[in-house]
Amino acid sequence: MKRITKSLPMSIAVAALVSVAAAGCAITASGTSPESAPTAQAGFAGYKWQVITIDHAGKETPVPARYAVYLQFTPDGQFGSNEPVNYHSGAYHQAGDGFTTSGMGSTLAGYAGHDPVVLLSVAAISAFDNGIRAKVRLTGDRLAVTVGSYLINCQRDGRQADFPRAQPT
């Protein structure tokens, strides 16, 4: 899949600035300051999680590794997610049995194809938006994240979260 590279440097800069700004001033939709991420679900923080399936509308779709769809969480509250077209980043904060995202930004590449895995991945990862709450279930090296109408099933890939600050992989 070919990415549009003309706007990539500007997209990276914008996403990085949004991430930095969000980290210092994030609030939940209720207007209260959320609990800091280091105390949140310590089991998933600090890792990169490879998306292996996405369930939507009662249909579970496998996501082969070649699509490079993943979520990552740093212990200091940074959230990143990648789908086949764009990289998304922002902050996350504990919210009960899950987390809330804020300050979300992404690279701005377009996609005119029809690959159903790409389209589903883009829609699922795009569900992480400002003030959106995601529910998390952690079982060993498996992470299930429910966001909007999507259930994103992940497997810890063994690597620590490595934040290139909004650079697509």
N, C-alpha and C. Protein backbone atom coordinates (compact mmCIF):
# COMPACT_ATOMS: atom_id res chain seq x y z
N MET A 1 0.84 -1.16 0.00
CA MET A 1 0.00 0.00 0.00
C MET A 1 0.89 1.23 0.00
N LYS A 2 0.63 2.13 -0.86
CA LYS A 2 1.46 3.32 -1.01
C LYS A 2 0.89 4.46 -0.19
N ARG A 3 1.71 5.10 0.60
CA ARG A 3 1.27 6.23 1.41
C ARG A 3 1.53 7.54 0.67
N ILE A 4 0.72 8.52 0.97
CA ILE A 4 0.93 9.84 0.41
C ILE A 4 1.99 10.52 1.27
N THR A 5 3.11 10.89 0.68
CA THR A 5 4.23 11.40 1.47
C THR A 5 4.40 12.90 1.39
N LYS A 6 3.71 13.58 0.50
CA LYS A 6 3.88 15.02 0.38
C LYS A 6 3.50 15.76 1.65
N SER A 7 2.44 15.34 2.32
CA SER A 7 1.98 16.04 3.52
C SER A 7 2.47 15.37 4.80
N LEU A 8 3.26 14.32 4.69
CA LEU A 8 3.69 13.58 5.86
C LEU A 8 4.49 14.42 6.86
N PRO A 9 5.51 15.20 6.46
CA PRO A 9 6.24 15.98 7.46
C PRO A 9 5.35 16.95 8.23
N MET A 10 4.44 17.62 7.56
CA MET A 10 3.53 18.54 8.24
C MET A 10 2.59 17.77 9.16
N SER A 11 2.09 16.62 8.71
CA SER A 11 1.19 15.81 9.52
C SER A 11 1.87 15.34 10.80
N ILE A 12 3.12 14.93 10.68
CA ILE A 12 3.88 14.48 11.84
C ILE A 12 4.06 15.62 12.82
N ALA A 13 4.39 16.78 12.33
CA ALA A 13 4.59 17.93 13.21
C ALA A 13 3.30 18.32 13.92
N VAL A 14 2.19 18.33 13.21
CA VAL A 14 0.90 18.67 13.82
C VAL A 14 0.52 17.64 14.87
N ALA A 15 0.66 16.37 14.56
CA ALA A 15 0.30 15.32 15.51
C ALA A 15 1.17 15.39 16.77
N ALA A 16 2.46 15.67 16.60
CA ALA A 16 3.35 15.77 17.75
C ALA A 16 2.96 16.95 18.64
N LEU A 17 2.65 18.09 18.03
CA LEU A 17 2.25 19.26 18.80
C LEU A 17 0.95 19.01 19.55
N VAL A 18 0.00 18.36 18.90
CA VAL A 18 -1.26 18.04 19.56
C VAL A 18 -1.03 17.12 20.75
N SER A 19 -0.17 16.12 20.57
CA SER A 19 0.12 15.19 21.66
C SER A 19 0.74 15.89 22.85
N VAL A 20 1.70 16.76 22.61
CA VAL A 20 2.36 17.48 23.69
C VAL A 20 1.39 18.40 24.42
N ALA A 21 0.57 19.11 23.65
CA ALA A 21 -0.40 20.02 24.26
C ALA A 21 -1.43 19.25 25.07
N ALA A 22 -1.87 18.12 24.56
CA ALA A 22 -2.89 17.34 25.26
C ALA A 22 -2.37 16.76 26.57
N ALA A 23 -1.12 16.40 26.61
CA ALA A 23 -0.58 15.78 27.81
C ALA A 23 -0.65 16.72 29.00
N GLY A 24 -0.57 18.01 28.76
CA GLY A 24 -0.57 18.95 29.87
C GLY A 24 -1.93 19.46 30.27
N CYS A 25 -2.98 19.24 29.45
CA CYS A 25 -4.25 19.87 29.78
C CYS A 25 -5.45 18.96 29.54
N ALA A 26 -5.29 17.65 29.61
CA ALA A 26 -6.39 16.75 29.35
C ALA A 26 -7.42 16.76 30.47
N ILE A 27 -8.69 16.74 30.09
CA ILE A 27 -9.77 16.58 31.05
C ILE A 27 -10.77 15.62 30.47
N THR A 28 -11.59 15.00 31.30
CA THR A 28 -12.59 14.06 30.81
C THR A 28 -13.80 14.82 30.32
N ALA A 29 -14.72 14.10 29.69
CA ALA A 29 -15.94 14.72 29.18
C ALA A 29 -16.76 15.35 30.31
N SER A 30 -16.62 14.85 31.55
CA SER A 30 -17.37 15.40 32.67
C SER A 30 -16.75 16.69 33.18
N GLY A 31 -15.56 17.05 32.65
CA GLY A 31 -14.90 18.28 33.06
C GLY A 31 -13.99 18.13 34.26
N THR A 32 -13.80 16.90 34.73
CA THR A 32 -12.92 16.69 35.87
C THR A 32 -11.60 16.13 35.41
N SER A 33 -10.56 16.37 36.15
CA SER A 33 -9.26 15.82 35.80
C SER A 33 -9.24 14.33 36.09
N PRO A 34 -8.87 13.51 35.12
CA PRO A 34 -8.82 12.07 35.33
C PRO A 34 -7.60 11.68 36.15
N GLU A 35 -7.63 10.44 36.65
CA GLU A 35 -6.50 9.90 37.38
C GLU A 35 -5.35 9.71 36.41
N SER A 36 -4.14 9.89 36.86
CA SER A 36 -3.00 9.79 35.96
C SER A 36 -2.79 8.36 35.47
N ALA A 37 -2.24 8.22 34.30
CA ALA A 37 -2.08 6.93 33.67
C ALA A 37 -1.14 5.97 34.40
N PRO A 38 -0.07 6.42 35.08
CA PRO A 38 0.79 5.44 35.73
C PRO A 38 0.05 4.56 36.72
N THR A 39 -1.05 5.03 37.29
CA THR A 39 -1.81 4.19 38.20
C THR A 39 -2.85 3.36 37.47
N ALA A 40 -3.00 3.61 36.19
CA ALA A 40 -4.04 2.94 35.40
C ALA A 40 -3.56 1.61 34.85
N GLN A 41 -4.31 0.58 35.11
CA GLN A 41 -4.11 -0.72 34.48
C GLN A 41 -2.64 -1.01 34.18
N ALA A 42 -1.84 -1.04 35.21
CA ALA A 42 -0.39 -1.21 35.05
C ALA A 42 -0.04 -2.37 34.14
N GLY A 43 -0.92 -3.34 33.99
CA GLY A 43 -0.64 -4.50 33.15
C GLY A 43 -0.55 -4.21 31.68
N PHE A 44 -1.22 -3.18 31.18
CA PHE A 44 -1.11 -2.90 29.74
C PHE A 44 -0.23 -1.71 29.44
N ALA A 45 0.03 -0.86 30.42
CA ALA A 45 0.89 0.31 30.20
C ALA A 45 2.33 -0.12 29.95
N GLY A 46 2.97 0.57 29.04
CA GLY A 46 4.37 0.31 28.74
C GLY A 46 4.59 -0.68 27.62
N TYR A 47 3.51 -1.16 27.02
CA TYR A 47 3.64 -2.18 25.98
C TYR A 47 3.00 -1.77 24.66
N LYS A 48 3.48 -2.44 23.63
CA LYS A 48 2.89 -2.35 22.30
C LYS A 48 2.02 -3.59 22.14
N TRP A 49 0.78 -3.41 21.67
CA TRP A 49 -0.19 -4.49 21.54
C TRP A 49 -0.60 -4.65 20.08
N GLN A 50 -0.26 -5.78 19.50
CA GLN A 50 -0.60 -6.09 18.11
C GLN A 50 -2.08 -6.46 18.02
N VAL A 51 -2.83 -5.80 17.17
CA VAL A 51 -4.24 -6.13 16.98
C VAL A 51 -4.31 -7.42 16.16
N ILE A 52 -5.05 -8.41 16.70
CA ILE A 52 -5.14 -9.70 16.00
C ILE A 52 -6.53 -9.94 15.41
N THR A 53 -7.57 -9.36 16.03
CA THR A 53 -8.91 -9.43 15.46
C THR A 53 -9.67 -8.16 15.84
N ILE A 54 -10.66 -7.83 15.01
CA ILE A 54 -11.58 -6.74 15.32
C ILE A 54 -12.98 -7.28 15.13
N ASP A 55 -13.79 -7.12 16.18
CA ASP A 55 -15.18 -7.55 16.13
C ASP A 55 -16.05 -6.32 15.97
N HIS A 56 -16.91 -6.34 14.97
CA HIS A 56 -17.82 -5.22 14.72
C HIS A 56 -19.11 -5.77 14.13
N ALA A 57 -20.22 -5.35 14.68
CA ALA A 57 -21.54 -5.77 14.20
C ALA A 57 -21.68 -7.29 14.20
N GLY A 58 -21.10 -7.93 15.22
CA GLY A 58 -21.22 -9.38 15.35
C GLY A 58 -20.32 -10.19 14.46
N LYS A 59 -19.42 -9.54 13.72
CA LYS A 59 -18.50 -10.25 12.84
C LYS A 59 -17.07 -10.03 13.30
N GLU A 60 -16.36 -11.11 13.57
CA GLU A 60 -14.96 -11.02 13.97
C GLU A 60 -14.07 -11.19 12.74
N THR A 61 -13.19 -10.20 12.54
CA THR A 61 -12.31 -10.20 11.37
C THR A 61 -10.86 -10.32 11.82
N PRO A 62 -10.13 -11.33 11.34
CA PRO A 62 -8.70 -11.42 11.65
C PRO A 62 -7.94 -10.26 11.01
N VAL A 63 -6.91 -9.77 11.71
CA VAL A 63 -6.07 -8.70 11.19
C VAL A 63 -4.64 -9.25 11.09
N PRO A 64 -4.23 -9.69 9.92
CA PRO A 64 -2.87 -10.23 9.76
C PRO A 64 -1.81 -9.19 10.14
N ALA A 65 -0.69 -9.66 10.65
CA ALA A 65 0.40 -8.79 11.12
C ALA A 65 0.90 -7.84 10.03
N ARG A 66 0.81 -8.23 8.77
CA ARG A 66 1.31 -7.38 7.68
C ARG A 66 0.60 -6.03 7.61
N TYR A 67 -0.58 -5.91 8.23
CA TYR A 67 -1.31 -4.64 8.24
C TYR A 67 -0.77 -3.66 9.30
N ALA A 68 0.06 -4.14 10.20
CA ALA A 68 0.71 -3.31 11.23
C ALA A 68 -0.29 -2.48 12.03
N VAL A 69 -1.34 -3.14 12.50
CA VAL A 69 -2.34 -2.47 13.34
C VAL A 69 -1.98 -2.76 14.79
N TYR A 70 -1.80 -1.69 15.58
CA TYR A 70 -1.43 -1.89 16.98
C TYR A 70 -1.87 -0.71 17.84
N LEU A 71 -1.85 -0.97 19.16
CA LEU A 71 -2.07 0.04 20.19
C LEU A 71 -0.83 0.05 21.05
N GLN A 72 -0.49 1.21 21.61
CA GLN A 72 0.61 1.25 22.58
C GLN A 72 0.32 2.30 23.63
N PHE A 73 0.79 2.00 24.85
CA PHE A 73 0.53 2.84 26.02
C PHE A 73 1.84 3.02 26.78
N THR A 74 2.25 4.25 27.03
CA THR A 74 3.44 4.45 27.85
C THR A 74 2.99 4.58 29.30
N PRO A 75 3.88 4.27 30.24
CA PRO A 75 3.53 4.43 31.65
C PRO A 75 3.23 5.89 32.02
N ASP A 76 3.75 6.86 31.24
CA ASP A 76 3.52 8.26 31.58
C ASP A 76 2.28 8.85 30.91
N GLY A 77 1.41 8.01 30.32
CA GLY A 77 0.13 8.48 29.83
C GLY A 77 0.01 8.79 28.35
N GLN A 78 0.99 8.41 27.53
CA GLN A 78 0.88 8.63 26.09
C GLN A 78 0.26 7.40 25.43
N PHE A 79 -0.64 7.65 24.48
CA PHE A 79 -1.33 6.60 23.75
C PHE A 79 -1.01 6.74 22.27
N GLY A 80 -0.74 5.64 21.63
CA GLY A 80 -0.52 5.63 20.19
C GLY A 80 -1.23 4.45 19.58
N SER A 81 -1.68 4.62 18.35
CA SER A 81 -2.32 3.52 17.64
C SER A 81 -2.02 3.67 16.15
N ASN A 82 -1.85 2.54 15.52
CA ASN A 82 -1.53 2.54 14.10
C ASN A 82 -2.54 1.68 13.37
N GLU A 83 -2.96 2.15 12.22
CA GLU A 83 -3.76 1.36 11.29
C GLU A 83 -3.03 1.43 9.96
N PRO A 84 -3.46 0.71 8.94
CA PRO A 84 -2.67 0.65 7.72
C PRO A 84 -2.45 1.97 6.99
N VAL A 85 -3.20 3.01 7.32
CA VAL A 85 -3.08 4.27 6.60
C VAL A 85 -2.46 5.37 7.45
N ASN A 86 -2.84 5.50 8.72
CA ASN A 86 -2.38 6.60 9.57
C ASN A 86 -1.97 6.15 10.96
N TYR A 87 -1.16 6.98 11.58
CA TYR A 87 -0.76 6.80 12.98
C TYR A 87 -1.53 7.82 13.80
N HIS A 88 -2.10 7.39 14.93
CA HIS A 88 -2.89 8.25 15.82
C HIS A 88 -2.18 8.33 17.16
N SER A 89 -2.21 9.51 17.80
CA SER A 89 -1.59 9.62 19.11
C SER A 89 -2.29 10.67 19.95
N GLY A 90 -2.09 10.55 21.24
CA GLY A 90 -2.68 11.47 22.20
C GLY A 90 -2.33 11.03 23.60
N ALA A 91 -3.19 11.34 24.54
CA ALA A 91 -2.99 10.94 25.93
C ALA A 91 -4.09 9.98 26.33
N TYR A 92 -3.83 9.17 27.36
CA TYR A 92 -4.87 8.32 27.93
C TYR A 92 -4.81 8.46 29.44
N HIS A 93 -5.97 8.26 30.05
CA HIS A 93 -6.09 8.36 31.51
C HIS A 93 -7.05 7.29 31.99
N GLN A 94 -6.76 6.73 33.17
CA GLN A 94 -7.61 5.70 33.73
C GLN A 94 -9.03 6.21 33.92
N ALA A 95 -9.99 5.35 33.64
CA ALA A 95 -11.40 5.66 33.83
C ALA A 95 -12.09 4.36 34.22
N GLY A 96 -12.08 4.01 35.50
CA GLY A 96 -12.72 2.78 35.97
C GLY A 96 -12.05 1.55 35.40
N ASP A 97 -12.81 0.77 34.62
CA ASP A 97 -12.28 -0.47 34.04
C ASP A 97 -11.72 -0.26 32.64
N GLY A 98 -11.26 0.96 32.37
CA GLY A 98 -10.70 1.24 31.06
C GLY A 98 -9.92 2.53 31.07
N PHE A 99 -10.04 3.28 29.99
CA PHE A 99 -9.32 4.54 29.87
C PHE A 99 -10.08 5.51 28.98
N THR A 100 -9.73 6.77 29.11
CA THR A 100 -10.29 7.83 28.28
C THR A 100 -9.15 8.46 27.51
N THR A 101 -9.38 8.74 26.23
CA THR A 101 -8.36 9.37 25.41
C THR A 101 -8.63 10.86 25.29
N SER A 102 -7.56 11.61 25.09
CA SER A 102 -7.68 13.06 24.90
C SER A 102 -6.53 13.55 24.03
N GLY A 103 -6.71 14.73 23.46
CA GLY A 103 -5.67 15.33 22.64
C GLY A 103 -5.29 14.50 21.43
N MET A 104 -6.24 13.76 20.89
CA MET A 104 -5.94 12.86 19.78
C MET A 104 -5.68 13.63 18.49
N GLY A 105 -4.67 13.17 17.78
CA GLY A 105 -4.34 13.69 16.47
C GLY A 105 -3.84 12.53 15.62
N SER A 106 -3.73 12.74 14.32
CA SER A 106 -3.22 11.67 13.48
C SER A 106 -2.53 12.24 12.25
N THR A 107 -1.76 11.38 11.61
CA THR A 107 -1.22 11.75 10.31
C THR A 107 -2.42 11.84 9.36
N LEU A 108 -2.23 12.40 8.20
CA LEU A 108 -3.37 12.72 7.35
C LEU A 108 -3.32 12.07 5.97
N ALA A 109 -2.83 10.86 5.88
CA ALA A 109 -2.79 10.17 4.60
C ALA A 109 -4.19 9.73 4.21
N GLY A 110 -4.47 9.71 2.93
CA GLY A 110 -5.76 9.26 2.44
C GLY A 110 -5.69 7.83 1.93
N TYR A 111 -6.86 7.22 1.75
CA TYR A 111 -6.94 5.86 1.24
C TYR A 111 -8.15 5.75 0.33
N ALA A 112 -7.96 5.33 -0.89
CA ALA A 112 -9.06 5.22 -1.84
C ALA A 112 -9.33 3.76 -2.21
N GLY A 113 -8.72 2.83 -1.48
CA GLY A 113 -8.89 1.42 -1.79
C GLY A 113 -10.15 0.82 -1.20
N HIS A 114 -10.28 -0.49 -1.36
CA HIS A 114 -11.48 -1.20 -0.93
C HIS A 114 -11.16 -2.41 -0.06
N ASP A 115 -9.94 -2.56 0.42
CA ASP A 115 -9.57 -3.70 1.25
C ASP A 115 -10.39 -3.67 2.54
N PRO A 116 -11.20 -4.70 2.80
CA PRO A 116 -12.07 -4.67 3.97
C PRO A 116 -11.32 -4.63 5.30
N VAL A 117 -10.14 -5.23 5.38
CA VAL A 117 -9.36 -5.19 6.62
C VAL A 117 -8.83 -3.78 6.86
N VAL A 118 -8.38 -3.12 5.81
CA VAL A 118 -7.91 -1.74 5.94
C VAL A 118 -9.07 -0.85 6.39
N LEU A 119 -10.20 -0.95 5.73
CA LEU A 119 -11.35 -0.10 6.06
C LEU A 119 -11.83 -0.33 7.49
N LEU A 120 -11.90 -1.59 7.92
CA LEU A 120 -12.32 -1.91 9.29
C LEU A 120 -11.30 -1.39 10.30
N SER A 121 -10.02 -1.58 10.02
CA SER A 121 -8.96 -1.12 10.93
C SER A 121 -8.98 0.40 11.08
N VAL A 122 -9.14 1.10 9.98
CA VAL A 122 -9.20 2.56 10.01
C VAL A 122 -10.39 3.01 10.87
N ALA A 123 -11.54 2.40 10.66
CA ALA A 123 -12.73 2.78 11.43
C ALA A 123 -12.57 2.48 12.92
N ALA A 124 -12.03 1.31 13.24
CA ALA A 124 -11.87 0.91 14.65
C ALA A 124 -10.87 1.82 15.37
N ILE A 125 -9.72 2.06 14.77
CA ILE A 125 -8.70 2.90 15.41
C ILE A 125 -9.19 4.35 15.48
N SER A 126 -9.94 4.79 14.50
CA SER A 126 -10.47 6.16 14.52
C SER A 126 -11.53 6.35 15.60
N ALA A 127 -12.03 5.27 16.17
CA ALA A 127 -13.02 5.37 17.25
C ALA A 127 -12.40 5.97 18.52
N PHE A 128 -11.07 5.90 18.65
CA PHE A 128 -10.37 6.55 19.77
C PHE A 128 -10.31 8.03 19.45
N ASP A 129 -11.18 8.80 20.05
CA ASP A 129 -11.25 10.23 19.79
C ASP A 129 -11.19 10.96 21.13
N ASN A 130 -11.16 12.26 21.10
CA ASN A 130 -11.09 13.06 22.32
C ASN A 130 -12.28 12.80 23.23
N GLY A 131 -11.99 12.46 24.49
CA GLY A 131 -13.04 12.24 25.47
C GLY A 131 -13.74 10.90 25.36
N ILE A 132 -13.28 10.04 24.49
CA ILE A 132 -13.91 8.73 24.31
C ILE A 132 -13.39 7.77 25.36
N ARG A 133 -14.31 7.02 25.94
CA ARG A 133 -13.97 6.04 26.97
C ARG A 133 -13.89 4.66 26.33
N ALA A 134 -12.84 3.93 26.64
CA ALA A 134 -12.66 2.56 26.16
C ALA A 134 -12.64 1.63 27.37
N LYS A 135 -13.24 0.48 27.23
CA LYS A 135 -13.25 -0.53 28.29
C LYS A 135 -12.15 -1.55 27.97
N VAL A 136 -11.45 -1.99 29.02
CA VAL A 136 -10.31 -2.88 28.84
C VAL A 136 -10.49 -4.15 29.65
N ARG A 137 -10.09 -5.29 29.04
CA ARG A 137 -10.01 -6.56 29.76
C ARG A 137 -8.65 -7.16 29.43
N LEU A 138 -7.85 -7.35 30.48
CA LEU A 138 -6.50 -7.89 30.32
C LEU A 138 -6.46 -9.30 30.88
N THR A 139 -5.99 -10.24 30.05
CA THR A 139 -5.84 -11.63 30.47
C THR A 139 -4.49 -12.12 29.97
N GLY A 140 -3.51 -12.15 30.87
CA GLY A 140 -2.16 -12.57 30.48
C GLY A 140 -1.57 -11.65 29.45
N ASP A 141 -1.22 -12.20 28.27
CA ASP A 141 -0.65 -11.37 27.20
C ASP A 141 -1.70 -10.97 26.18
N ARG A 142 -2.98 -11.05 26.56
CA ARG A 142 -4.09 -10.66 25.68
C ARG A 142 -4.80 -9.43 26.25
N LEU A 143 -5.13 -8.50 25.39
CA LEU A 143 -5.82 -7.28 25.77
C LEU A 143 -7.04 -7.13 24.86
N ALA A 144 -8.22 -7.00 25.48
CA ALA A 144 -9.45 -6.76 24.71
C ALA A 144 -9.90 -5.34 25.04
N VAL A 145 -10.05 -4.52 24.01
CA VAL A 145 -10.44 -3.12 24.18
C VAL A 145 -11.75 -2.90 23.44
N THR A 146 -12.75 -2.43 24.18
CA THR A 146 -14.03 -2.08 23.56
C THR A 146 -14.09 -0.57 23.46
N VAL A 147 -14.23 -0.08 22.24
CA VAL A 147 -14.34 1.37 22.00
C VAL A 147 -15.43 1.57 20.95
N GLY A 148 -16.42 2.37 21.30
CA GLY A 148 -17.56 2.53 20.41
C GLY A 148 -18.20 1.18 20.16
N SER A 149 -18.43 0.84 18.91
CA SER A 149 -19.05 -0.44 18.57
C SER A 149 -18.02 -1.49 18.15
N TYR A 150 -16.78 -1.29 18.53
CA TYR A 150 -15.69 -2.19 18.14
C TYR A 150 -15.11 -2.91 19.35
N LEU A 151 -14.80 -4.19 19.18
CA LEU A 151 -14.03 -4.96 20.15
C LEU A 151 -12.71 -5.27 19.47
N ILE A 152 -11.64 -4.68 19.99
CA ILE A 152 -10.31 -4.83 19.40
C ILE A 152 -9.52 -5.80 20.28
N ASN A 153 -9.20 -6.97 19.73
CA ASN A 153 -8.45 -7.98 20.46
C ASN A 153 -6.98 -7.90 20.08
N CYS A 154 -6.15 -7.82 21.11
CA CYS A 154 -4.72 -7.62 20.90
C CYS A 154 -3.91 -8.67 21.64
N GLN A 155 -2.67 -8.81 21.19
CA GLN A 155 -1.70 -9.65 21.86
C GLN A 155 -0.45 -8.82 22.09
N ARG A 156 0.08 -8.88 23.31
CA ARG A 156 1.32 -8.16 23.61
C ARG A 156 2.39 -8.69 22.68
N ASP A 157 3.09 -7.79 22.00
CA ASP A 157 4.08 -8.25 21.02
C ASP A 157 5.47 -8.39 21.60
N GLY A 158 5.61 -8.21 22.91
CA GLY A 158 6.89 -8.41 23.57
C GLY A 158 7.78 -7.19 23.62
N ARG A 159 7.41 -6.15 22.89
CA ARG A 159 8.21 -4.93 22.88
C ARG A 159 7.59 -3.89 23.79
N GLN A 160 8.44 -3.05 24.34
CA GLN A 160 7.94 -1.93 25.11
C GLN A 160 7.39 -0.90 24.14
N ALA A 161 6.44 -0.10 24.64
CA ALA A 161 5.89 0.97 23.81
C ALA A 161 7.03 1.88 23.39
N ASP A 162 7.13 2.14 22.11
CA ASP A 162 8.19 2.98 21.56
C ASP A 162 7.52 4.10 20.78
N PHE A 163 7.55 5.29 21.33
CA PHE A 163 6.82 6.38 20.73
C PHE A 163 7.69 7.22 19.81
N PRO A 164 7.46 7.06 18.51
CA PRO A 164 8.17 7.91 17.55
C PRO A 164 7.51 9.26 17.43
N ARG A 165 6.50 9.52 18.25
CA ARG A 165 5.75 10.79 18.24
C ARG A 165 5.12 11.04 16.89
N ALA A 166 4.08 10.26 16.62
CA ALA A 166 3.21 10.43 15.47
C ALA A 166 3.87 10.13 14.13
N GLN A 167 4.85 9.23 14.12
CA GLN A 167 5.43 8.81 12.86
C GLN A 167 4.85 7.46 12.49
N PRO A 168 4.28 7.33 11.31
CA PRO A 168 3.69 6.04 10.91
C PRO A 168 4.77 4.98 10.72
N THR A 169 4.37 3.73 10.89
CA THR A 169 5.30 2.63 10.68
C THR A 169 4.99 1.88 9.42
